[in-house]
Amino acid sequence: MKYLAVAVLLCGLLPLSNAFCYFKVTEPGTTHCQDDRDKTWHAVGSTWRNSKCMDCDCSQCCSAYSTPRQFPDDCVSVFDSEICSYRVHKRDDPTVECPIYAAVGK
């Protein structure tokens, strides 16, 4: 019963996590692996960033950005997929950057 309670608690914490990695299985002796998103091939030991803004190697991929969670109310966060980063600026003036007080992720 104790293990069931721990399992339920851990499953309940998973949705609270915003930064993420996922792991991939590589067979021993493999020399190349394929990116799950872009279907490109990479040598074992290399690292790359895919089109989903994930930093990958043959054994794992992790999000390459942090997500702003606390910033002034008169600001908005906008994700730039070209540089894999959020930009936080004033709602009425995109040229004025805003401070970020808290973020989750990388």
Protein backbone atom coordinates (compact mmCIF):
# COMPACT_ATOMS: atom_id res chain seq x y z
CA MET A 1 0.00 0.00 0.00
CA LYS A 2 2.90 2.34 0.80
CA TYR A 3 4.33 1.87 -2.73
CA LEU A 4 0.96 2.63 -4.30
CA ALA A 5 0.80 5.94 -2.41
CA VAL A 6 4.31 6.86 -3.57
CA ALA A 7 3.44 5.96 -7.19
CA VAL A 8 0.28 8.09 -7.10
CA LEU A 9 2.24 11.00 -5.62
CA LEU A 10 4.95 10.78 -8.28
CA CYS A 11 2.39 10.58 -11.09
CA GLY A 12 0.68 13.64 -9.68
CA LEU A 13 3.93 15.62 -9.79
CA LEU A 14 4.64 14.91 -13.46
CA PRO A 15 2.22 17.52 -14.86
CA LEU A 16 3.89 20.18 -12.69
CA SER A 17 7.16 19.81 -14.55
CA ASN A 18 7.56 22.15 -17.54
CA ALA A 19 11.12 21.48 -18.58
CA PHE A 20 11.50 18.12 -20.10
CA CYS A 21 13.83 15.56 -21.53
CA TYR A 22 13.08 12.25 -23.06
CA PHE A 23 15.43 9.35 -23.40
CA LYS A 24 16.01 7.09 -26.38
CA VAL A 25 17.40 3.56 -26.52
CA THR A 26 20.45 3.01 -28.71
CA GLU A 27 21.62 -0.45 -29.58
CA PRO A 28 25.24 -1.34 -28.75
CA GLY A 29 27.49 -0.95 -31.78
CA THR A 30 25.22 1.62 -33.44
CA THR A 31 27.16 4.29 -35.36
CA HIS A 32 24.28 6.64 -36.25
CA CYS A 33 20.83 7.55 -34.95
CA GLN A 34 17.81 9.31 -36.40
CA ASP A 35 16.22 12.46 -34.98
CA ASP A 36 12.60 11.67 -34.04
CA ARG A 37 11.29 15.03 -35.26
CA ASP A 38 13.30 15.92 -38.36
CA LYS A 39 14.21 12.37 -39.46
CA THR A 40 17.83 13.47 -39.97
CA TRP A 41 20.72 11.08 -39.25
CA HIS A 42 23.52 11.90 -36.79
CA ALA A 43 26.71 10.17 -35.70
CA VAL A 44 26.80 8.68 -32.21
CA GLY A 45 28.53 11.21 -29.92
CA SER A 46 27.30 14.26 -31.84
CA THR A 47 24.77 16.82 -30.59
CA TRP A 48 22.23 18.86 -32.54
CA ARG A 49 19.19 21.12 -32.16
CA ASN A 50 16.12 20.02 -34.07
CA SER A 51 13.22 22.05 -35.49
CA LYS A 52 11.20 21.49 -32.28
CA CYS A 53 13.86 23.44 -30.28
CA MET A 54 15.16 20.31 -28.60
CA ASP A 55 18.88 19.80 -27.90
CA CYS A 56 19.58 16.17 -28.74
CA ASP A 57 22.16 13.45 -28.86
CA CYS A 58 21.60 9.79 -29.68
CA SER A 59 20.47 8.95 -26.14
CA GLN A 60 18.23 11.90 -25.23
CA CYS A 61 16.56 15.15 -26.25
CA CYS A 62 15.89 18.06 -23.86
CA SER A 63 14.05 21.34 -24.31
CA ALA A 64 16.49 24.06 -25.37
CA TYR A 65 14.69 27.00 -23.77
CA SER A 66 13.17 28.23 -20.55
CA THR A 67 9.58 29.46 -20.30
CA PRO A 68 8.96 32.77 -18.50
CA ARG A 69 6.45 32.37 -15.67
CA GLN A 70 6.61 35.66 -13.77
CA PHE A 71 6.94 39.08 -15.36
CA PRO A 72 5.06 42.40 -15.06
CA ASP A 73 1.33 42.31 -15.88
CA ASP A 74 1.67 44.88 -18.64
CA CYS A 75 4.05 42.57 -20.54
CA VAL A 76 3.61 39.57 -22.80
CA SER A 77 5.88 36.65 -23.66
CA VAL A 78 6.30 35.63 -27.30
CA PHE A 79 8.17 32.52 -28.45
CA ASP A 80 10.66 32.98 -31.30
CA SER A 81 11.09 29.56 -32.92
CA GLU A 82 14.05 30.76 -35.01
CA ILE A 83 16.24 31.34 -31.94
CA CYS A 84 14.36 28.94 -29.62
CA SER A 85 13.76 31.57 -26.97
CA TYR A 86 10.96 33.60 -25.40
CA ARG A 87 11.01 37.36 -25.66
CA VAL A 88 9.12 39.33 -23.00
CA HIS A 89 8.08 42.87 -23.94
CA LYS A 90 5.48 45.55 -23.14
CA ARG A 91 2.03 44.75 -24.56
CA ASP A 92 1.67 48.19 -26.12
CA ASP A 93 5.31 48.64 -27.20
CA PRO A 94 7.22 45.57 -28.49
CA THR A 95 10.48 47.55 -28.52
CA VAL A 96 10.56 47.73 -24.70
CA GLU A 97 11.88 44.56 -23.04
CA CYS A 98 10.47 43.49 -19.66
CA PRO A 99 12.23 41.83 -16.71
CA ILE A 100 11.62 38.15 -16.09
CA TYR A 101 11.33 37.25 -12.40
CA ALA A 102 10.94 33.48 -12.76
CA ALA A 103 11.17 30.89 -15.51
CA VAL A 104 11.07 27.12 -15.80
CA GLY A 105 13.13 24.94 -18.05
CA LYS A 106 16.65 24.80 -19.19
